[in-house]
C-alpha cells in the first residue's frame, strides 16, 4: 500500500497547502525549481508535466483520442485529469502557462540579440 492511500483527505489538503506556502515563500523561480527537483523524483516531474499538457490540450478542446495519441497517455488518465481540474482552474493554469511562455520567449529574444 502506498503512503497516499493512507492519507486522509484533510491530510492531503494540509500537505498541499504546506507545499504551496513553501513554494510561495521562495523568491525566485530557480529556488522553486530546485525545491521541486529535491522533493520530486524525475518520474513524478514527468507525470506532472504530462498532466499539465493534458490540461492545456483539454482547454483547447482537443478530443481525448488525439490527446492520447500525442502524449501517449490513456483515456482514463485524460478523464482523471479532466475530473480533477474544474474548467475555471484549467483556464487559470493555461493562462499562467501561456504568460510564462511569453516571458520566456521575450527573455530568449533579448539574450539572443546581445552582442557576443
Foldseek 3Di string as FASTA:
>chain_A
DDPVVVDDPVRVVVVVVVLVVVLVPDDDVVVSVVVCPVVDPPVVVVVVVLLLVLLLVVLVVNDLVVSCVVSVDDSVSSVVSPVVADNVRSVVSNVVVVVVVVVVVVVVVVVVPDDD
